[in-house]
Amino acid sequence: MDVIPLFPLGTPLFPGVVLPLQVFEPRYRRLVRDLLEQPEGTARCFGVVAIRQGWEVEQVAPAEALYDVGCTARLQSVRPQPDGGFRIVTVGGDRFRLLDLLVGEDPPYLQAEVEWLAEEEAAEEAAGDHEGLATPRGWPADAAGDLAAHDDLVSAVARGSMEVLVRGVGGLFARYVAAVTALTGEVDGEEPDTADLLDAVSGDPRALSYLVASAALLTTEDRQTLLAESATRRRLQTESRLLRRELTLLETVGAVPAPIQRFAGPRSVN
């Protein structure tokens, strides 16, 4: 369990995603100054947690206004502004779950006791998500070779199914961006460079899952569900369903979720 400073925002941050921020509130100016005063080589980061829609952190207990799963933001660059504020660039780091919120006058910003959430990549690959491929009953205890061969087969099937899932989500995401662009024209004055984004996460299913989660025009609730999911396979499966749902709305109703947000920068994945 660790204590970290918190920065509530209107939407979740995902691991590996670049998040630029303009810091103008006095308490968060103090947060940036506190981070900069840490010794060189120290991980200068704070936790980003999403605010529940319709809630104001200042008007209710923070524990009620905030989602309980967030992501750290690692400070990458800081540009002091003439008014005393800062322009900063951060990158999403590790996911965490809030255990307790600490509210005080010094420091003036929220802090939280958190537990770190591990990714389930190794466990999920070992399990293989292989319905119907469990170890056969009745195999003798000394059939080590047969069991090893069975495990190799299960792993191969798991890898193959992950590759199919990745291709499917990548294709749906490309269609989704094209459909939004066809209805809205240019986004923030630039064509979304989907091919470059997908190339950037090529061969990394986890990075692809976080790219889609951060770039698609999903509700905060949908994004929060994706952030809370610890297994890449299940996250991609959920995104496949969400993208199909959104494509149906785009292609049949011609409706685009609001607000429009840029698909390209700053949603690159490190």
Protein backbone atom coordinates (compact mmCIF):
# COMPACT_ATOMS: atom_id res chain seq x y z
CA MET A 1 0.00 0.00 0.00
CA ASP A 2 1.31 3.47 -0.94
CA VAL A 3 0.14 7.05 -0.57
CA ILE A 4 0.07 9.13 -3.78
CA PRO A 5 -1.28 12.58 -4.73
CA LEU A 6 -4.48 12.63 -6.79
CA PHE A 7 -5.56 14.74 -9.77
CA PRO A 8 -9.27 14.19 -10.54
CA LEU A 9 -10.23 14.57 -14.20
CA GLY A 10 -13.35 14.16 -16.31
CA THR A 11 -12.09 10.98 -18.00
CA PRO A 12 -9.77 8.10 -17.10
CA LEU A 13 -6.11 7.94 -18.06
CA PHE A 14 -4.72 4.70 -19.50
CA PRO A 15 -1.22 3.18 -19.24
CA GLY A 16 1.11 4.36 -21.99
CA VAL A 17 -1.15 7.20 -23.15
CA VAL A 18 0.25 10.74 -23.32
CA LEU A 19 -1.71 13.30 -21.29
CA PRO A 20 -0.82 17.02 -21.54
CA LEU A 21 -2.30 19.25 -18.84
CA GLN A 22 -2.50 22.96 -18.12
CA VAL A 23 -2.21 23.39 -14.37
CA PHE A 24 -3.75 26.62 -13.07
CA GLU A 25 -5.47 25.83 -9.74
CA PRO A 26 -3.29 26.80 -6.74
CA ARG A 27 -3.43 23.36 -5.12
CA TYR A 28 -2.29 21.59 -8.28
CA ARG A 29 0.41 24.18 -8.81
CA ARG A 30 1.58 23.12 -5.37
CA LEU A 31 1.40 19.48 -6.45
CA VAL A 32 3.68 20.15 -9.43
CA ARG A 33 6.11 22.10 -7.25
CA ASP A 34 6.17 19.23 -4.73
CA LEU A 35 6.95 16.76 -7.51
CA LEU A 36 9.74 18.95 -8.84
CA GLU A 37 11.29 19.15 -5.38
CA GLN A 38 11.67 15.38 -5.20
CA PRO A 39 15.26 14.09 -5.59
CA GLU A 40 16.56 13.51 -9.10
CA GLY A 41 15.81 9.97 -10.24
CA THR A 42 12.65 9.73 -8.14
CA ALA A 43 9.51 8.66 -9.99
CA ARG A 44 7.62 11.94 -10.21
CA CYS A 45 4.02 10.86 -10.61
CA PHE A 46 0.50 11.45 -9.36
CA GLY A 47 -2.72 9.49 -9.65
CA VAL A 48 -5.41 10.39 -12.18
CA VAL A 49 -8.93 9.33 -11.20
CA ALA A 50 -12.11 10.00 -13.15
CA ILE A 51 -14.97 12.02 -11.69
CA ARG A 52 -18.37 10.37 -11.86
CA GLN A 53 -20.65 12.09 -14.35
CA GLY A 54 -22.79 14.75 -12.73
CA TRP A 55 -20.75 14.85 -9.52
CA GLU A 56 -18.69 17.77 -8.21
CA VAL A 57 -15.74 16.79 -6.05
CA GLU A 58 -15.96 20.05 -4.13
CA GLN A 59 -19.62 19.65 -3.22
CA VAL A 60 -19.70 16.04 -1.98
CA ALA A 61 -17.40 13.61 -0.24
CA PRO A 62 -14.58 12.84 -2.72
CA ALA A 63 -15.02 9.11 -2.17
CA GLU A 64 -18.53 9.37 -3.62
CA ALA A 65 -17.54 11.57 -6.54
CA LEU A 66 -14.56 9.55 -7.78
CA TYR A 67 -14.23 6.14 -9.41
CA ASP A 68 -12.13 3.73 -7.42
CA VAL A 69 -9.71 2.62 -10.16
CA GLY A 70 -7.20 5.06 -11.61
CA CYS A 71 -3.83 5.29 -13.33
CA THR A 72 -0.64 7.11 -12.40
CA ALA A 73 0.62 9.95 -14.59
CA ARG A 74 4.41 10.11 -14.88
CA LEU A 75 5.74 13.65 -15.25
CA GLN A 76 7.71 13.96 -18.50
CA SER A 77 8.14 17.70 -19.04
CA VAL A 78 7.21 20.91 -17.22
CA ARG A 79 6.94 24.43 -18.66
CA PRO A 80 6.36 27.15 -16.05
CA GLN A 81 3.94 29.87 -17.19
CA PRO A 82 4.14 33.64 -16.52
CA ASP A 83 1.01 33.48 -14.32
CA GLY A 84 2.58 30.89 -12.02
CA GLY A 85 0.87 27.90 -13.58
CA PHE A 86 2.45 25.06 -15.52
CA ARG A 87 2.06 23.29 -18.81
CA ILE A 88 3.01 19.68 -18.22
CA VAL A 89 3.18 16.50 -20.26
CA THR A 90 2.60 13.18 -18.55
CA VAL A 91 2.39 9.54 -19.59
CA GLY A 92 0.05 6.96 -18.08
CA GLY A 93 1.87 4.49 -15.83
CA ASP A 94 0.41 1.93 -13.43
CA ARG A 95 -3.19 1.17 -12.54
CA PHE A 96 -4.32 1.34 -8.92
CA ARG A 97 -7.37 0.98 -6.72
CA LEU A 98 -8.29 3.59 -4.13
CA LEU A 99 -8.35 2.24 -0.58
CA ASP A 100 -8.78 5.48 1.35
CA LEU A 101 -8.80 9.19 0.55
CA LEU A 102 -6.76 11.67 2.59
CA VAL A 103 -8.12 15.22 2.72
CA GLY A 104 -6.20 17.94 4.54
CA GLU A 105 -4.91 21.48 4.42
CA ASP A 106 -1.26 20.60 3.93
CA PRO A 107 -0.83 19.50 1.25
CA PRO A 108 -3.99 21.16 -0.12
CA TYR A 109 -4.54 18.53 -2.84
CA LEU A 110 -6.14 15.12 -2.41
CA GLN A 111 -4.00 12.12 -1.54
CA ALA A 112 -4.96 8.48 -1.43
CA GLU A 113 -3.85 5.18 -0.05
CA VAL A 114 -3.79 2.82 -3.02
CA GLU A 115 -3.13 -0.78 -3.92
CA TRP A 116 -1.48 -1.53 -7.24
CA LEU A 117 -3.36 -3.61 -9.80
CA ALA A 118 -1.32 -6.21 -11.67
CA GLU A 119 -1.95 -7.08 -15.29
CA GLU A 120 -3.11 -10.66 -15.79
CA GLU A 121 -1.12 -11.29 -18.97
CA ALA A 122 0.88 -14.28 -17.69
CA ALA A 123 -2.04 -15.96 -15.96
CA GLU A 124 -4.37 -15.42 -18.89
CA GLU A 125 -1.81 -16.78 -21.38
CA ALA A 126 -1.28 -19.84 -19.19
CA ALA A 127 -5.01 -20.39 -18.91
CA GLY A 128 -5.30 -19.77 -22.62
CA ASP A 129 -8.92 -18.73 -22.35
CA HIS A 130 -9.47 -22.24 -23.71
CA GLU A 131 -13.01 -23.43 -23.18
CA GLY A 132 -13.17 -27.09 -23.99
CA LEU A 133 -9.42 -27.58 -23.84
CA ALA A 134 -9.03 -28.52 -20.19
CA THR A 135 -6.64 -31.32 -19.23
CA PRO A 136 -8.42 -34.59 -20.06
CA ARG A 137 -9.75 -36.52 -17.11
CA GLY A 138 -8.23 -39.82 -16.28
CA TRP A 139 -4.74 -39.07 -17.58
CA PRO A 140 -2.18 -40.95 -15.47
CA ALA A 141 0.01 -38.90 -13.15
CA ASP A 142 3.16 -40.06 -14.95
CA ALA A 143 1.99 -38.88 -18.37
CA ALA A 144 4.24 -35.82 -18.15
CA GLY A 145 5.07 -35.82 -21.86
CA ASP A 146 1.44 -35.98 -22.90
CA LEU A 147 0.52 -33.24 -20.44
CA ALA A 148 3.35 -31.04 -21.70
CA ALA A 149 2.21 -31.57 -25.28
CA HIS A 150 -1.34 -30.70 -24.26
CA ASP A 151 -0.15 -27.50 -22.54
CA ASP A 152 1.84 -26.55 -25.65
CA LEU A 153 -1.27 -27.03 -27.76
CA VAL A 154 -3.34 -24.92 -25.39
CA SER A 155 -0.74 -22.14 -25.46
CA ALA A 156 -0.61 -22.22 -29.25
CA VAL A 157 -4.40 -22.01 -29.47
CA ALA A 158 -4.39 -19.11 -26.98
CA ARG A 159 -1.78 -17.20 -28.97
CA GLY A 160 -3.66 -17.83 -32.19
CA SER A 161 -6.97 -16.68 -30.75
CA MET A 162 -5.31 -13.54 -29.38
CA GLU A 163 -3.92 -12.74 -32.83
CA VAL A 164 -7.40 -13.12 -34.34
CA LEU A 165 -8.84 -10.88 -31.62
CA VAL A 166 -6.17 -8.22 -32.17
CA ARG A 167 -6.77 -8.18 -35.94
CA GLY A 168 -10.51 -7.94 -35.37
CA VAL A 169 -10.29 -5.03 -32.91
CA GLY A 170 -7.75 -3.22 -35.11
CA GLY A 171 -10.02 -3.55 -38.12
CA LEU A 172 -13.09 -2.39 -36.18
CA PHE A 173 -11.19 0.59 -34.80
CA ALA A 174 -10.05 1.63 -38.30
CA ARG A 175 -13.67 1.39 -39.55
CA TYR A 176 -14.87 3.32 -36.53
CA VAL A 177 -12.43 6.21 -37.04
CA ALA A 178 -13.29 6.31 -40.77
CA ALA A 179 -17.02 6.44 -39.96
CA VAL A 180 -16.60 9.28 -37.47
CA THR A 181 -14.40 11.19 -39.91
CA ALA A 182 -16.95 10.70 -42.73
CA LEU A 183 -19.66 12.26 -40.58
CA THR A 184 -17.65 15.06 -39.03
CA GLY A 185 -14.92 15.82 -41.55
CA GLU A 186 -11.58 16.70 -40.07
CA VAL A 187 -11.15 16.34 -36.31
CA ASP A 188 -9.56 19.44 -34.76
CA GLY A 189 -8.37 20.39 -38.24
CA GLU A 190 -6.40 17.22 -38.91
CA GLU A 191 -7.18 13.82 -40.37
CA PRO A 192 -6.81 11.14 -37.71
CA ASP A 193 -3.75 9.10 -38.70
CA THR A 194 -5.20 5.73 -37.72
CA ALA A 195 -2.61 3.71 -39.61
CA ASP A 196 0.24 5.35 -37.70
CA LEU A 197 -1.53 4.78 -34.38
CA LEU A 198 -2.11 1.11 -35.15
CA ASP A 199 1.47 0.71 -36.38
CA ALA A 200 2.71 2.19 -33.11
CA VAL A 201 1.07 -0.61 -31.12
CA SER A 202 1.68 -3.39 -33.64
CA GLY A 203 2.57 -6.62 -31.88
CA ASP A 204 1.43 -5.33 -28.47
CA PRO A 205 -2.17 -6.35 -27.70
CA ARG A 206 -2.11 -4.55 -24.35
CA ALA A 207 -1.05 -1.26 -25.94
CA LEU A 208 -3.72 -1.69 -28.64
CA SER A 209 -6.38 -2.21 -25.98
CA TYR A 210 -5.39 0.99 -24.17
CA LEU A 211 -5.17 2.96 -27.43
CA VAL A 212 -8.73 2.00 -28.37
CA ALA A 213 -9.99 2.66 -24.84
CA SER A 214 -8.51 6.17 -24.80
CA ALA A 215 -9.18 7.23 -28.40
CA ALA A 216 -12.71 5.98 -29.07
CA LEU A 217 -15.57 8.34 -28.20
CA LEU A 218 -16.91 6.20 -25.37
CA THR A 219 -18.72 7.23 -22.22
CA THR A 220 -16.74 7.68 -19.03
CA GLU A 221 -18.48 4.59 -17.66
CA ASP A 222 -17.37 2.47 -20.64
CA ARG A 223 -13.80 3.77 -20.37
CA GLN A 224 -13.75 3.14 -16.65
CA THR A 225 -14.87 -0.45 -17.21
CA LEU A 226 -11.99 -0.94 -19.64
CA LEU A 227 -9.47 0.60 -17.22
CA ALA A 228 -10.63 -1.65 -14.39
CA GLU A 229 -10.23 -4.80 -16.51
CA SER A 230 -6.90 -6.48 -15.69
CA ALA A 231 -6.77 -8.98 -18.58
CA THR A 232 -5.90 -7.76 -22.06
CA ARG A 233 -7.92 -10.51 -23.72
CA ARG A 234 -11.11 -9.57 -21.89
CA ARG A 235 -10.44 -5.86 -22.45
CA LEU A 236 -10.14 -6.44 -26.20
CA GLN A 237 -13.27 -8.61 -26.22
CA THR A 238 -15.21 -5.82 -24.51
CA GLU A 239 -13.83 -3.28 -26.99
CA SER A 240 -14.92 -5.48 -29.88
CA ARG A 241 -18.50 -5.37 -28.56
CA LEU A 242 -18.34 -1.62 -27.89
CA LEU A 243 -16.94 -0.79 -31.33
CA ARG A 244 -19.61 -2.89 -33.03
CA ARG A 245 -22.27 -1.07 -31.02
CA GLU A 246 -20.84 2.34 -31.92
CA LEU A 247 -20.45 1.41 -35.58
CA THR A 248 -24.10 0.43 -35.72
CA LEU A 249 -25.07 3.88 -34.45
CA LEU A 250 -22.67 5.63 -36.81
CA GLU A 251 -23.58 3.68 -39.92
CA THR A 252 -27.33 3.32 -39.44
CA VAL A 253 -28.35 6.38 -37.42
CA GLY A 254 -25.57 8.74 -38.47
CA ALA A 255 -25.08 9.79 -34.85
CA VAL A 256 -21.69 10.82 -33.48
CA PRO A 257 -21.03 10.77 -29.73
CA ALA A 258 -20.20 14.14 -28.18
CA PRO A 259 -17.92 15.77 -27.35
CA ILE A 260 -15.68 15.19 -30.36
CA GLN A 261 -12.10 14.52 -29.30
CA ARG A 262 -8.94 14.13 -31.32
CA PHE A 263 -8.01 10.62 -32.30
CA ALA A 264 -4.35 11.37 -32.95
CA GLY A 265 -2.15 13.36 -30.53
CA PRO A 266 -2.09 13.50 -27.62
CA ARG A 267 -3.40 9.92 -27.56
CA SER A 268 -0.15 8.31 -28.63
CA VAL A 269 1.10 5.26 -26.77
CA ASN A 270 4.62 5.18 -25.38
